[in-house]
Every structure is written in structure tokens, then in C-alpha cells.
Amino acid sequence: MMPKIDRQNFESYQTMDNFDVDQAVISPPKSSPSAPEQKGSKPRKTLDLLRWVGLIDRLEAGARYLFLGMAMMSFVAYGYMVYTQDQWQTNHRQLQKLRNQESQQAIINARLRNQAAELAEKDSSGTIDPSPGRAVFVPITDIAVPAQSASHKSAAAPSEISTTVGY
């Protein structure tokens, strides 16, 4: 706060050209009557104002940390959503592939049964009616099953659908 210039000495000069700064009497600012000023202490209004500014500063810092936490949680949630969507798509494709294989095996099994039944109905096939007395038991041996080559695999393999990940 600027010190006030004593008006009695100032009014004696008509213009600022004749004003001499060294001759002006400078008086200290007057204190307010509601808050008596003690030596070395701040006025009460200033202390209240500083408390409010400190409170607002702490609130602003807390809001900043809250916003940062919420932003990080939203990024984690978005990443989790994208990850689970990708996992779901992968598992769904695998399920569709297994269903397709199951239906192909059911069709092949039905064809083999029909073919065996047709062969059994023919008299020239040499098949006999099954009976428990004619059962043949084959001993179990450890024989490695050879892997199928690429030419034996089904030509009707399902094509994979390319999808984008995310929203």
C-alpha cells in the first residue's frame, strides 16, 4: 500500500511543476478502527484471506490428483475392454471351428455307417450277421499314429474373418 501524502502541504502548490518531493510530508497509512494492529501481526482480514487461498489451493491439488486417477482408471478400463473383446473374438472363432469340425465328423460318420449298411445288404459282400460267439478281440499294441499330410485335410476349412480390435 502506498503511503499517503499530507494534503495540507500538497494543496499549497498549484501545479505539479512547482511541487518539490523533498518538502512533502509523507504520513503512514491509517489502520482500520475495527481491527487494531499489533506490532508484528497481520490484520485479521489478511489471515482469513490467506486461509481461504490455502484451502482453495489444497482443493485444486486434490481435484488435480482425482482427475489424474480417474483418467488412469478410464485408460485401464478401455484397455481391459479391448483385451476382452479380442479374447472373446479369438475364443468365438475357435468355438466356430470346433463346431464345424464336429458337424463334418458327424457327416463322415453317417456316410460310413450308410456305406457299411449298403455293403452288408449285398449278398456278394461276404459279410455275416453279428453274434456274440463270433466276436473277435484284437490285442492292444503301442502303435504311433502317423500325422496327416496337408493333402488329406478337408478342403472346406472355414475362412477366418478379419476384424478390427477396439471401438
Protein backbone atom coordinates (compact mmCIF):
# COMPACT_ATOMS: atom_id res chain seq x y z
CA MET A 1 0.00 0.00 0.00
CA MET A 2 1.40 3.40 -0.95
CA PRO A 3 1.93 5.98 1.79
CA LYS A 4 -0.42 8.94 1.62
CA ILE A 5 0.88 12.45 1.02
CA ASP A 6 -0.25 15.05 3.54
CA ARG A 7 -2.91 17.16 1.81
CA GLN A 8 -2.15 20.42 3.64
CA ASN A 9 1.32 20.68 2.21
CA PHE A 10 0.23 19.36 -1.19
CA GLU A 11 -2.60 21.86 -1.71
CA SER A 12 -0.26 24.79 -1.24
CA TYR A 13 1.26 24.01 -4.61
CA GLN A 14 -0.98 24.88 -7.54
CA THR A 15 0.76 22.86 -10.20
CA MET A 16 2.96 19.83 -10.25
CA ASP A 17 5.72 21.92 -11.80
CA ASN A 18 6.24 23.78 -8.50
CA PHE A 19 5.97 20.62 -6.35
CA ASP A 20 9.13 19.60 -4.54
CA VAL A 21 9.12 16.00 -3.38
CA ASP A 22 11.57 16.67 -0.55
CA GLN A 23 9.26 19.26 1.04
CA ALA A 24 6.14 16.99 1.03
CA VAL A 25 5.33 15.33 4.32
CA ILE A 26 4.56 11.64 3.94
CA SER A 27 2.29 10.11 6.56
CA PRO A 28 1.88 6.36 7.19
CA PRO A 29 -1.43 4.69 6.17
CA LYS A 30 -4.17 4.81 8.76
CA SER A 31 -5.25 1.50 10.25
CA SER A 32 -8.88 0.48 10.29
CA PRO A 33 -10.68 1.01 13.59
CA SER A 34 -12.32 -2.47 13.54
CA ALA A 35 -9.02 -4.39 13.63
CA PRO A 36 -6.43 -2.91 15.95
CA GLU A 37 -2.98 -3.58 14.62
CA GLN A 38 -0.49 -5.19 16.93
CA LYS A 39 3.22 -4.97 16.39
CA GLY A 40 4.46 -7.85 14.17
CA SER A 41 1.00 -9.31 13.39
CA LYS A 42 -1.05 -9.23 10.21
CA PRO A 43 -4.56 -7.85 10.11
CA ARG A 44 -7.34 -10.42 10.63
CA LYS A 45 -8.77 -9.98 7.12
CA THR A 46 -5.42 -10.87 5.59
CA LEU A 47 -5.16 -14.02 7.71
CA ASP A 48 -8.68 -15.10 6.73
CA LEU A 49 -7.86 -14.45 3.09
CA LEU A 50 -4.66 -16.50 3.34
CA ARG A 51 -6.58 -19.38 4.92
CA TRP A 52 -9.12 -19.32 2.07
CA VAL A 53 -6.37 -19.19 -0.55
CA GLY A 54 -4.63 -22.14 1.14
CA LEU A 55 -7.88 -24.10 1.26
CA ILE A 56 -8.61 -23.39 -2.39
CA ASP A 57 -5.04 -24.38 -3.30
CA ARG A 58 -5.42 -27.71 -1.47
CA LEU A 59 -8.79 -28.33 -3.10
CA GLU A 60 -7.31 -27.61 -6.52
CA ALA A 61 -4.41 -30.01 -5.87
CA GLY A 62 -6.83 -32.69 -4.68
CA ALA A 63 -9.02 -32.20 -7.74
CA ARG A 64 -5.95 -32.48 -9.95
CA TYR A 65 -4.97 -35.81 -8.35
CA LEU A 66 -8.57 -37.02 -8.54
CA PHE A 67 -8.69 -36.15 -12.25
CA LEU A 68 -5.39 -37.93 -12.87
CA GLY A 69 -6.66 -41.02 -11.06
CA MET A 70 -9.93 -41.02 -12.99
CA ALA A 71 -8.09 -40.61 -16.30
CA MET A 72 -5.79 -43.53 -15.48
CA MET A 73 -8.75 -45.68 -14.45
CA SER A 74 -10.54 -44.89 -17.71
CA PHE A 75 -7.44 -45.87 -19.72
CA VAL A 76 -7.21 -49.15 -17.78
CA ALA A 77 -10.92 -49.83 -18.33
CA TYR A 78 -10.60 -49.09 -22.06
CA GLY A 79 -7.58 -51.39 -22.35
CA TYR A 80 -9.42 -54.13 -20.49
CA MET A 81 -12.42 -53.76 -22.79
CA VAL A 82 -10.26 -54.02 -25.91
CA TYR A 83 -8.37 -57.00 -24.46
CA THR A 84 -11.55 -58.88 -23.50
CA GLN A 85 -13.10 -58.15 -26.90
CA ASP A 86 -10.02 -59.60 -28.60
CA GLN A 87 -10.08 -62.67 -26.34
CA TRP A 88 -13.79 -63.14 -26.97
CA GLN A 89 -13.29 -62.96 -30.74
CA THR A 90 -10.43 -65.46 -30.58
CA ASN A 91 -12.43 -67.90 -28.46
CA HIS A 92 -15.52 -67.43 -30.64
CA ARG A 93 -13.52 -68.25 -33.78
CA GLN A 94 -12.12 -71.34 -32.05
CA LEU A 95 -15.63 -72.41 -30.99
CA GLN A 96 -16.94 -71.96 -34.55
CA LYS A 97 -14.03 -74.02 -35.87
CA LEU A 98 -14.75 -76.82 -33.36
CA ARG A 99 -18.46 -76.79 -34.26
CA ASN A 100 -17.58 -77.02 -37.95
CA GLN A 101 -15.25 -79.96 -37.27
CA GLU A 102 -17.92 -81.67 -35.17
CA SER A 103 -20.51 -81.36 -37.94
CA GLN A 104 -18.02 -82.64 -40.54
CA GLN A 105 -17.21 -85.65 -38.34
CA ALA A 106 -20.91 -86.36 -37.83
CA ILE A 107 -21.46 -86.26 -41.62
CA ILE A 108 -18.48 -88.53 -42.27
CA ASN A 109 -19.66 -90.96 -39.56
CA ALA A 110 -23.16 -91.07 -41.07
CA ARG A 111 -21.73 -91.72 -44.56
CA LEU A 112 -19.52 -94.53 -43.27
CA ARG A 113 -22.49 -96.17 -41.50
CA ASN A 114 -24.64 -95.87 -44.62
CA GLN A 115 -21.84 -97.29 -46.75
CA ALA A 116 -21.32 -100.20 -44.31
CA ALA A 117 -25.06 -100.88 -44.22
CA GLU A 118 -25.26 -100.90 -48.04
CA LEU A 119 -22.32 -103.33 -48.21
CA ALA A 120 -23.90 -105.59 -45.60
CA GLU A 121 -27.20 -105.76 -47.51
CA LYS A 122 -25.49 -107.09 -50.62
CA ASP A 123 -25.20 -110.89 -50.71
CA SER A 124 -21.92 -110.79 -52.61
CA SER A 125 -20.12 -108.72 -49.95
CA GLY A 126 -19.29 -111.72 -47.73
CA THR A 127 -20.45 -110.13 -44.51
CA ILE A 128 -22.12 -112.18 -41.80
CA ASP A 129 -24.64 -111.26 -39.13
CA PRO A 130 -23.02 -110.23 -35.86
CA SER A 131 -23.37 -112.56 -32.89
CA PRO A 132 -21.60 -112.69 -29.53
CA GLY A 133 -19.97 -116.04 -30.34
CA ARG A 134 -18.25 -114.63 -33.39
CA ALA A 135 -16.68 -111.59 -31.65
CA VAL A 136 -13.03 -111.02 -32.43
CA PHE A 137 -10.78 -109.46 -29.82
CA VAL A 138 -7.69 -107.63 -31.02
CA PRO A 139 -4.78 -107.22 -28.60
CA ILE A 140 -3.77 -103.63 -27.77
CA THR A 141 -0.38 -102.58 -29.13
CA ASP A 142 1.59 -99.34 -28.95
CA ILE A 143 1.46 -98.10 -32.50
CA ALA A 144 2.21 -94.46 -33.31
CA VAL A 145 -0.42 -92.83 -35.44
CA PRO A 146 1.16 -91.07 -38.46
CA ALA A 147 0.36 -87.37 -38.82
CA GLN A 148 -2.00 -86.34 -41.59
CA SER A 149 -0.42 -84.61 -44.54
CA ALA A 150 -1.74 -81.34 -45.90
CA SER A 151 -3.36 -83.09 -48.88
CA HIS A 152 -5.62 -85.19 -46.58
CA LYS A 153 -7.03 -82.22 -44.71
CA SER A 154 -10.52 -81.02 -45.53
CA ALA A 155 -10.74 -78.57 -48.40
CA ALA A 156 -13.77 -76.94 -46.80
CA ALA A 157 -11.83 -75.31 -43.93
CA PRO A 158 -13.57 -72.20 -42.60
CA SER A 159 -12.05 -68.94 -43.68
CA GLU A 160 -11.06 -66.62 -40.85
CA ILE A 161 -12.81 -63.28 -40.76
CA SER A 162 -10.54 -60.34 -40.13
CA THR A 163 -11.93 -57.95 -37.56
CA THR A 164 -10.58 -54.79 -36.04
CA VAL A 165 -9.81 -54.57 -32.36
CA GLY A 166 -11.24 -51.67 -30.36
CA TYR A 167 -14.24 -49.43 -30.59
